[in-house]
Protein backbone atom coordinates (compact mmCIF):
# COMPACT_ATOMS: atom_id res chain seq x y z
CA MET A 1 -40.97 -21.15 2.39
CA SER A 2 -38.06 -23.52 1.82
CA ASN A 3 -35.26 -23.57 4.37
CA ASN A 4 -32.70 -24.82 1.85
CA ILE A 5 -30.83 -22.06 0.00
CA ASP A 6 -30.26 -24.34 -2.99
CA ASN A 7 -34.03 -24.59 -3.55
CA LEU A 8 -34.53 -20.82 -3.64
CA ILE A 9 -34.82 -19.00 -6.94
CA LYS A 10 -32.00 -16.49 -7.15
CA PRO A 11 -32.74 -13.07 -8.64
CA THR A 12 -31.50 -12.35 -12.14
CA ILE A 13 -29.65 -9.08 -12.70
CA THR A 14 -29.96 -7.67 -16.21
CA THR A 15 -28.43 -4.81 -18.13
CA THR A 16 -28.74 -3.86 -21.77
CA ASP A 17 -25.89 -4.23 -24.22
CA ILE A 18 -26.56 -0.73 -25.50
CA ASP A 19 -25.89 0.79 -22.06
CA LEU A 20 -22.62 -1.11 -21.80
CA GLU A 21 -21.61 -0.25 -25.37
CA ASN A 22 -22.32 3.44 -24.69
CA ALA A 23 -20.03 3.18 -21.69
CA GLY A 24 -17.26 1.77 -23.91
CA PHE A 25 -17.48 -1.95 -23.11
CA THR A 26 -16.15 -4.36 -25.75
CA ASN A 27 -17.91 -7.65 -26.49
CA SER A 28 -15.64 -9.54 -24.11
CA GLY A 29 -16.00 -6.76 -21.53
CA LYS A 30 -19.79 -6.93 -21.73
CA THR A 31 -19.77 -10.70 -21.28
CA LYS A 32 -17.41 -10.58 -18.31
CA PHE A 33 -19.33 -7.70 -16.71
CA LYS A 34 -22.63 -9.58 -16.94
CA GLU A 35 -21.08 -12.77 -15.54
CA THR A 36 -19.45 -10.84 -12.69
CA ILE A 37 -22.54 -8.94 -11.58
CA GLN A 38 -24.65 -12.11 -11.70
CA ASP A 39 -22.04 -14.04 -9.71
CA PHE A 40 -21.76 -11.22 -7.15
CA SER A 41 -25.56 -11.05 -6.94
CA ASN A 42 -25.76 -14.80 -6.27
CA GLN A 43 -23.12 -14.56 -3.55
CA VAL A 44 -24.84 -11.60 -1.85
CA PHE A 45 -28.18 -13.40 -2.08
CA GLU A 46 -26.86 -16.62 -0.51
CA LYS A 47 -24.93 -14.87 2.27
CA SER A 48 -27.88 -12.59 3.05
CA VAL A 49 -30.14 -15.62 3.44
CA ARG A 50 -27.57 -17.37 5.63
CA TYR A 51 -27.22 -14.30 7.87
CA GLY A 52 -31.01 -13.97 8.11
CA ASP A 53 -31.35 -17.66 8.96
CA ALA A 54 -28.65 -17.39 11.61
CA GLU A 55 -30.54 -14.61 13.41
CA LYS A 56 -34.10 -15.90 13.16
CA GLY A 57 -35.76 -17.61 16.06
CA ASP A 58 -36.99 -21.20 15.96
CA GLY A 59 -40.36 -21.51 14.27
CA LEU A 60 -40.25 -18.00 12.80
CA GLU A 61 -40.33 -17.11 9.12
CA ARG A 62 -37.13 -16.11 7.39
CA GLU A 63 -36.64 -12.34 7.33
CA ILE A 64 -33.75 -10.77 5.41
CA THR A 65 -33.13 -7.17 6.46
CA HIS A 66 -31.01 -4.44 4.92
CA ASP A 67 -28.40 -5.21 7.59
CA HIS A 68 -28.08 -8.78 6.32
CA VAL A 69 -27.66 -7.61 2.72
CA THR A 70 -25.16 -4.89 3.67
CA THR A 71 -23.12 -7.29 5.81
CA ALA A 72 -23.10 -9.87 3.02
CA SER A 73 -21.92 -7.43 0.36
CA LEU A 74 -19.25 -5.93 2.64
CA ASN A 75 -17.89 -9.36 3.59
CA ILE A 76 -17.71 -10.42 -0.06
CA SER A 77 -16.05 -7.12 -1.03
CA LYS A 78 -13.40 -7.51 1.68
CA THR A 79 -12.22 -10.78 0.16
CA PHE A 80 -12.11 -9.43 -3.41
CA ASN A 81 -8.60 -9.56 -4.84
CA LYS A 82 -7.15 -10.57 -1.48
CA LYS A 83 -3.93 -12.47 -1.94
CA ASN A 84 -2.93 -15.41 0.21
CA LYS A 85 0.43 -15.34 1.91
CA SER A 86 3.08 -17.16 -0.06
CA ASN A 87 4.95 -20.09 1.44
CA GLY A 88 8.12 -17.99 1.36
CA LEU A 89 6.57 -15.29 3.54
CA ILE A 90 5.29 -17.90 5.96
CA ALA A 91 8.79 -19.42 6.18
CA ILE A 92 10.25 -15.96 6.82
CA GLN A 93 7.78 -15.40 9.64
CA VAL A 94 8.64 -18.77 11.22
CA ALA A 95 12.34 -17.90 10.96
CA GLU A 96 11.60 -14.57 12.71
CA TYR A 97 10.22 -16.47 15.70
CA ILE A 98 13.18 -18.84 15.74
CA PHE A 99 15.74 -16.03 15.65
CA THR A 100 13.79 -14.12 18.30
CA GLY A 101 14.04 -17.23 20.48
CA VAL A 102 17.77 -17.45 19.73
CA ALA A 103 18.12 -13.81 20.78
CA GLY A 104 16.25 -14.62 24.00
CA ILE A 105 18.62 -17.48 24.79
CA GLY A 106 21.57 -15.21 24.15
CA GLY A 107 19.98 -12.43 26.20
CA GLY A 108 19.73 -14.79 29.15
CA ASN A 109 23.48 -15.40 28.97
CA LEU A 110 24.90 -11.90 28.40
CA LYS A 111 27.62 -12.50 30.98
CA GLU A 112 29.31 -14.87 28.57
CA GLN A 113 30.78 -14.04 25.17
CA TRP A 114 28.68 -16.62 23.29
CA GLY A 115 25.55 -15.12 24.87
CA ILE A 116 26.39 -11.65 23.57
CA ILE A 117 27.13 -13.00 20.08
CA THR A 118 23.99 -15.15 20.06
CA PHE A 119 21.84 -12.24 21.27
CA GLY A 120 23.25 -9.88 18.63
CA LEU A 121 22.96 -12.32 15.74
CA GLY A 122 19.49 -13.52 16.71
CA LEU A 123 18.16 -10.02 17.18
CA GLY A 124 19.79 -8.72 14.00
CA LEU A 125 18.51 -11.55 11.82
CA ALA A 126 15.00 -11.33 13.32
CA VAL A 127 14.83 -7.60 12.58
CA ILE A 128 16.09 -8.11 9.02
CA LEU A 129 13.48 -10.82 8.41
CA ILE A 130 10.70 -8.61 9.83
CA VAL A 131 11.70 -5.81 7.48
CA VAL A 132 11.83 -8.19 4.50
CA ARG A 133 8.40 -9.63 5.30
CA LEU A 134 6.73 -6.25 5.88
CA THR A 135 8.16 -4.68 2.74
CA SER A 136 7.14 -7.73 0.69
CA THR A 137 3.52 -7.69 1.89
CA SER A 138 3.11 -3.92 1.50
CA LYS A 139 3.76 -4.25 -2.28
CA ASP A 140 0.63 -6.43 -2.75
């Protein structure tokens, strides 16, 4: 048994065109569906093997269990259609921390007028930025 995943023969997933046509798939839909299920199958296969290899003892044969396959498919599914944070949202989050720090500086000097103003502005701007960031990410 080869230890290298690249040398393993990956399973081929097949479906008939007639089944897809009966379900209402167009030609482009059939092609994309077949490509997608084969790609997903390859990813599940590779991750399952990696998880099995990670848990096997030295000198033992590779053994891929249902847990490895389930974990692989769940981990791949979790990343499906997941959007990365935009640079704007990252900048907003950094600004939140800065204004929170400004509010902390002002809060440490509440006996002076500039401390009260700094605390109020820093806190207010931090809260506004938090609301902007959270409402922007909940739309995704």
